Amino acid sequence: MSDISSPAASPWSELPATERMPVLFVGHGSPMNAIEDNRWRQSWQALGSELLARPQPPRLILCISAHWLTPGWQLTAMDKPRTIHDFGGFPQALFDQQYPAPGSPQAARFISQSVLQPGSNEPLALNEADWGLDHGAWSILKPMFPAADIPVIQLSMDYSRPAAEHFAIGQQLAGLRERSVLIVGSGNTVHNLRTMRRDAPDNQAYDWAIEFDRVTAEHISQKRLPSLCDFQQLGVVAQMAHPTWEHYLPLLYAAGAVQADDVPRFFNEGFQGASISMRSVVWS
């Protein structure tokens, strides 16, 4: 495994280490949260203000979104990543949203050469053209950092790979936190659109949704982070919470980047539509 904190032929590695940046997992829920003045978006705005007020604010954001799946792992490596509206059936106001944050090809190259793909020992691939920032990224980053002046790189996920390998990628990324890089996993701890009830209040959810969210929160609170990889052992509860598990996997990247002395803090606890958990966590 490569060490992202070791010297390398890159200006990124030549910068002195800084105070460790927090690492986030954010439940993004409905794309409408990006524009509605609800409690989820208000929490993202407050967290962004908190991060910008640090003595050293983020100088780069690395986002792992549930909405970019590729064979192998890829990093966006363009100067100007486009805003991707990867959804349908929503008001025009949502499609009008843009998040013109710059990219950083230089940082993408450094990260690519510093992180090895599990199983192959190949560097992360660079995507210079056909992606950008999907709604799993920009829908939360725009409320957090509305000036769009912090460079953003997205890391894709290989859905075919076992959970432990996603966690292992997060472990390799951990050293970036010492260089003012904010690592953000964007998904949901429970995500089942098939059973969603749009009329359900935020404090109501299916029993299986509550149980899966509870177990996940206990692993995080008790610092049993590798146990998050064993989510499928919950059987039917896991199958209902995640008919497909692309929205759970970003949590594993964030958890992998956590250090032993980091303390978790939950926010946005609650549900959308009875089957989407908005539980989010910041480790610092």
Protein backbone atom coordinates (compact mmCIF):
# COMPACT_ATOMS: atom_id res chain seq x y z
CA MET A 1 0.00 0.00 0.00
CA SER A 2 1.38 3.39 -0.92
CA ASP A 3 1.76 6.15 1.66
CA ILE A 4 0.11 9.36 0.54
CA SER A 5 2.07 11.31 3.18
CA SER A 6 5.49 10.27 1.83
CA PRO A 7 7.59 12.57 -0.36
CA ALA A 8 6.80 12.48 -4.08
CA ALA A 9 7.51 14.58 -7.14
CA SER A 10 4.50 16.80 -6.66
CA PRO A 11 3.90 20.24 -5.14
CA TRP A 12 1.15 18.61 -3.10
CA SER A 13 3.63 16.51 -1.14
CA GLU A 14 6.02 19.43 -0.71
CA LEU A 15 3.49 21.43 1.30
CA PRO A 16 3.95 21.23 5.07
CA ALA A 17 1.47 19.16 7.01
CA THR A 18 -1.39 21.10 8.57
CA GLU A 19 -3.90 20.44 11.29
CA ARG A 20 -5.88 17.37 10.30
CA MET A 21 -8.99 18.15 8.28
CA PRO A 22 -12.27 16.52 9.37
CA VAL A 23 -13.77 13.77 7.23
CA LEU A 24 -17.49 13.73 6.41
CA PHE A 25 -20.22 11.34 5.44
CA VAL A 26 -23.29 13.26 4.28
CA GLY A 27 -26.73 11.79 3.66
CA HIS A 28 -27.83 13.66 0.54
CA GLY A 29 -31.37 12.29 0.04
CA SER A 30 -33.58 13.93 -2.56
CA PRO A 31 -31.93 16.26 -5.10
CA MET A 32 -34.54 18.85 -4.04
CA ASN A 33 -32.63 19.30 -0.78
CA ALA A 34 -30.17 21.37 -2.82
CA ILE A 35 -32.71 24.16 -3.27
CA GLU A 36 -35.38 23.72 -0.59
CA ASP A 37 -34.96 25.67 2.64
CA ASN A 38 -35.29 22.62 4.88
CA ARG A 39 -33.42 21.43 7.93
CA TRP A 40 -31.10 19.17 5.92
CA ARG A 41 -29.85 22.01 3.75
CA GLN A 42 -29.61 24.37 6.72
CA SER A 43 -27.30 21.88 8.46
CA TRP A 44 -25.09 21.71 5.38
CA GLN A 45 -24.89 25.49 5.32
CA ALA A 46 -23.93 25.60 9.00
CA LEU A 47 -21.28 22.92 8.57
CA GLY A 48 -19.77 24.75 5.62
CA SER A 49 -19.50 27.93 7.67
CA GLU A 50 -17.83 25.95 10.45
CA LEU A 51 -15.25 24.47 8.09
CA LEU A 52 -14.50 27.80 6.43
CA ALA A 53 -13.91 29.37 9.85
CA ARG A 54 -11.09 26.94 10.66
CA PRO A 55 -7.56 28.43 10.86
CA GLN A 56 -6.85 26.35 7.76
CA PRO A 57 -10.01 25.87 5.67
CA PRO A 58 -10.15 23.15 3.02
CA ARG A 59 -7.90 23.74 0.02
CA LEU A 60 -9.32 20.78 -1.92
CA ILE A 61 -12.45 18.64 -1.64
CA LEU A 62 -12.36 14.97 -2.58
CA CYS A 63 -15.92 13.70 -2.93
CA ILE A 64 -17.06 10.09 -3.24
CA SER A 65 -20.63 10.09 -4.53
CA ALA A 66 -23.09 7.23 -4.77
CA HIS A 67 -23.83 8.33 -8.33
CA TRP A 68 -20.55 7.59 -10.10
CA LEU A 69 -19.91 3.88 -10.66
CA THR A 70 -17.16 2.66 -12.98
CA PRO A 71 -15.13 -0.48 -13.70
CA GLY A 72 -12.13 0.10 -11.49
CA TRP A 73 -11.66 3.47 -9.76
CA GLN A 74 -11.36 6.85 -11.48
CA LEU A 75 -10.63 10.44 -10.48
CA THR A 76 -11.93 13.52 -12.27
CA ALA A 77 -8.92 15.31 -13.70
CA MET A 78 -10.29 18.26 -15.65
CA ASP A 79 -9.79 21.98 -14.97
CA LYS A 80 -13.52 22.77 -15.09
CA PRO A 81 -15.76 19.85 -14.11
CA ARG A 82 -19.27 20.26 -15.48
CA THR A 83 -22.40 20.20 -13.30
CA ILE A 84 -24.25 16.96 -14.05
CA HIS A 85 -28.03 16.81 -13.66
CA ASP A 86 -28.34 13.04 -13.34
CA PHE A 87 -32.03 12.82 -12.44
CA GLY A 88 -35.45 13.30 -13.97
CA GLY A 89 -38.94 14.44 -13.08
CA PHE A 90 -37.93 17.45 -10.99
CA PRO A 91 -38.74 21.17 -11.41
CA GLN A 92 -36.77 23.24 -13.90
CA ALA A 93 -35.27 25.21 -10.98
CA LEU A 94 -33.25 22.13 -10.06
CA PHE A 95 -31.97 21.63 -13.61
CA ASP A 96 -30.95 25.30 -13.66
CA GLN A 97 -28.52 24.77 -10.78
CA GLN A 98 -24.83 25.09 -11.59
CA TYR A 99 -21.80 24.56 -9.37
CA PRO A 100 -18.77 25.95 -11.24
CA ALA A 101 -16.11 24.83 -8.76
CA PRO A 102 -12.72 24.33 -10.40
CA GLY A 103 -11.04 20.96 -10.67
CA SER A 104 -7.37 20.22 -10.03
CA PRO A 105 -5.66 17.98 -12.57
CA GLN A 106 -2.38 18.35 -10.64
CA ALA A 107 -3.91 17.12 -7.40
CA ALA A 108 -5.73 14.33 -9.25
CA ARG A 109 -2.41 13.11 -10.68
CA PHE A 110 -0.83 13.14 -7.23
CA ILE A 111 -3.71 11.20 -5.67
CA SER A 112 -3.75 8.79 -8.60
CA GLN A 113 -0.11 7.87 -8.10
CA SER A 114 -0.45 7.68 -4.32
CA VAL A 115 -3.39 5.26 -4.09
CA LEU A 116 -3.33 1.70 -5.42
CA GLN A 117 -6.43 -0.09 -6.65
CA PRO A 118 -7.04 -3.15 -4.47
CA GLY A 119 -6.31 -6.40 -6.21
CA SER A 120 -4.37 -4.93 -9.12
CA ASN A 121 -1.89 -2.51 -7.54
CA GLU A 122 -2.63 -0.15 -10.42
CA PRO A 123 -2.91 3.61 -9.75
CA LEU A 124 -6.32 5.22 -9.84
CA ALA A 125 -7.33 6.05 -13.41
CA LEU A 126 -7.75 9.68 -14.48
CA ASN A 127 -10.97 10.82 -16.16
CA GLU A 128 -10.25 14.01 -18.09
CA ALA A 129 -13.39 14.37 -20.19
CA ASP A 130 -16.63 12.47 -19.66
CA TRP A 131 -17.63 13.17 -16.06
CA GLY A 132 -17.80 16.17 -13.75
CA LEU A 133 -19.74 16.76 -10.52
CA ASP A 134 -22.92 14.70 -10.22
CA HIS A 135 -25.78 15.65 -7.91
CA GLY A 136 -24.41 13.51 -5.08
CA ALA A 137 -21.54 16.00 -4.99
CA TRP A 138 -22.87 19.40 -5.99
CA SER A 139 -26.23 19.15 -4.19
CA ILE A 140 -24.44 19.15 -0.83
CA LEU A 141 -21.33 21.15 -1.71
CA LYS A 142 -23.26 24.12 -3.10
CA PRO A 143 -25.06 24.81 0.22
CA MET A 144 -21.83 24.17 2.16
CA PHE A 145 -19.48 26.22 -0.03
CA PRO A 146 -21.66 28.50 -2.20
CA ALA A 147 -18.72 30.53 -3.50
CA ALA A 148 -17.60 27.44 -5.47
CA ASP A 149 -13.98 28.55 -5.11
CA ILE A 150 -12.54 25.36 -3.57
CA PRO A 151 -11.31 22.83 -6.16
CA VAL A 152 -13.32 19.60 -6.22
CA ILE A 153 -12.26 16.15 -7.40
CA GLN A 154 -14.65 13.20 -7.56
CA LEU A 155 -13.58 9.62 -6.97
CA SER A 156 -15.69 6.91 -8.60
CA MET A 157 -16.53 3.53 -7.08
CA ASP A 158 -16.28 0.05 -8.56
CA TYR A 159 -19.61 -1.46 -7.50
CA SER A 160 -18.43 -4.98 -8.33
CA ARG A 161 -15.75 -4.97 -5.64
CA PRO A 162 -16.27 -6.20 -2.05
CA ALA A 163 -17.02 -3.75 0.73
CA ALA A 164 -13.62 -4.23 2.38
CA GLU A 165 -11.87 -2.89 -0.72
CA HIS A 166 -13.85 0.35 -0.61
CA PHE A 167 -12.85 0.73 3.05
CA ALA A 168 -9.22 0.04 2.07
CA ILE A 169 -9.27 2.86 -0.48
CA GLY A 170 -10.46 5.18 2.29
CA GLN A 171 -7.54 4.09 4.46
CA GLN A 172 -5.12 5.04 1.70
CA LEU A 173 -6.76 8.44 1.34
CA ALA A 174 -6.42 9.26 5.05
CA GLY A 175 -3.08 11.04 4.62
CA LEU A 176 -4.72 13.70 2.46
CA ARG A 177 -6.43 15.04 5.55
CA GLU A 178 -3.05 16.28 6.81
CA ARG A 179 -2.79 18.49 3.73
CA SER A 180 -6.07 20.38 4.13
CA VAL A 181 -8.05 18.04 1.88
CA LEU A 182 -11.67 17.57 2.92
CA ILE A 183 -12.85 14.02 2.20
CA VAL A 184 -16.62 13.82 1.74
CA GLY A 185 -18.62 10.62 1.27
CA SER A 186 -22.09 11.37 -0.12
CA GLY A 187 -24.79 8.69 0.02
CA ASN A 188 -27.32 7.49 2.62
CA THR A 189 -27.12 4.99 5.46
CA VAL A 190 -30.55 3.72 4.36
CA HIS A 191 -31.76 4.12 0.77
CA ASN A 192 -34.77 2.30 -0.68
CA LEU A 193 -36.65 4.32 -3.29
CA ARG A 194 -39.03 1.43 -4.00
CA THR A 195 -40.71 1.77 -0.60
CA MET A 196 -40.50 5.56 -0.27
CA ARG A 197 -43.58 7.36 1.08
CA ARG A 198 -43.40 11.05 0.21
CA ASP A 199 -46.09 11.93 2.77
CA ALA A 200 -44.16 10.49 5.74
CA PRO A 201 -42.82 13.01 8.31
CA ASP A 202 -39.10 13.15 9.05
CA ASN A 203 -39.43 11.28 12.35
CA GLN A 204 -41.20 8.23 10.91
CA ALA A 205 -39.64 5.28 9.09
CA TYR A 206 -40.07 1.58 8.49
CA ASP A 207 -38.87 -0.71 11.27
CA TRP A 208 -36.15 -2.21 9.06
CA ALA A 209 -34.92 1.29 8.15
CA ILE A 210 -34.71 2.29 11.80
CA GLU A 211 -32.90 -0.95 12.68
CA PHE A 212 -30.29 -0.69 9.94
CA ASP A 213 -29.66 2.97 10.73
CA ARG A 214 -29.36 2.13 14.45
CA VAL A 215 -26.80 -0.63 13.90
CA THR A 216 -24.78 1.60 11.58
CA ALA A 217 -24.80 4.42 14.14
CA GLU A 218 -23.66 2.03 16.88
CA HIS A 219 -20.69 0.87 14.83
CA ILE A 220 -19.71 4.50 14.28
CA SER A 221 -20.26 5.61 17.89
CA GLN A 222 -18.32 2.67 19.30
CA LYS A 223 -15.51 3.05 16.72
CA ARG A 224 -16.12 -0.36 15.19
CA LEU A 225 -15.59 1.07 11.74
CA PRO A 226 -14.30 -2.10 9.99
CA SER A 227 -17.59 -3.73 11.04
CA LEU A 228 -19.40 -1.38 8.66
CA CYS A 229 -18.09 -3.63 5.87
CA ASP A 230 -20.20 -6.51 7.22
CA PHE A 231 -23.54 -4.80 6.62
CA GLN A 232 -24.91 -7.65 4.51
CA GLN A 233 -24.81 -9.93 7.54
CA LEU A 234 -27.99 -8.18 8.67
CA GLY A 235 -29.81 -10.27 6.08
CA VAL A 236 -33.33 -9.15 5.20
CA VAL A 237 -32.87 -5.88 7.10
CA ALA A 238 -29.86 -5.04 4.92
CA GLN A 239 -31.69 -6.12 1.75
CA MET A 240 -34.56 -3.79 2.56
CA ALA A 241 -32.31 -0.92 3.63
CA HIS A 242 -30.23 -1.25 0.45
CA PRO A 243 -31.78 -3.18 -2.46
CA THR A 244 -28.61 -1.97 -4.16
CA TRP A 245 -25.82 -0.61 -1.98
CA GLU A 246 -24.21 2.18 -3.98
CA HIS A 247 -25.58 4.72 -1.47
CA TYR A 248 -23.98 2.86 1.44
CA LEU A 249 -20.50 2.48 -0.07
CA PRO A 250 -19.43 6.17 0.27
CA LEU A 251 -19.70 5.71 4.05
CA LEU A 252 -16.92 3.10 3.84
CA TYR A 253 -14.52 5.56 2.18
CA ALA A 254 -15.14 8.18 4.85
CA ALA A 255 -14.86 5.61 7.65
CA GLY A 256 -11.64 4.23 6.17
CA ALA A 257 -10.06 7.70 6.35
CA VAL A 258 -10.83 8.05 10.07
CA GLN A 259 -7.92 8.05 12.52
CA ALA A 260 -7.94 6.36 15.94
CA ASP A 261 -8.26 9.63 17.87
CA ASP A 262 -11.04 11.09 15.71
CA VAL A 263 -14.37 11.64 17.45
CA PRO A 264 -17.64 11.22 15.49
CA ARG A 265 -20.45 13.77 15.64
CA PHE A 266 -23.82 12.97 14.11
CA PHE A 267 -26.05 15.53 12.44
CA ASN A 268 -29.18 15.44 10.26
CA GLU A 269 -30.54 12.41 12.06
CA GLY A 270 -33.93 11.55 10.60
CA PHE A 271 -35.57 10.12 7.49
CA GLN A 272 -36.99 11.28 4.20
CA GLY A 273 -39.97 9.38 2.86
CA ALA A 274 -39.71 6.70 5.60
CA SER A 275 -36.99 4.81 3.73
CA ILE A 276 -34.08 7.22 3.26
CA SER A 277 -31.90 7.93 6.29
CA MET A 278 -30.36 11.38 6.30
CA ARG A 279 -27.96 10.51 9.14
CA SER A 280 -24.66 12.26 8.57
CA VAL A 281 -21.43 12.30 10.54
CA VAL A 282 -18.32 14.41 10.84
CA TRP A 283 -15.17 12.94 12.34
CA SER A 284 -12.64 15.39 13.75
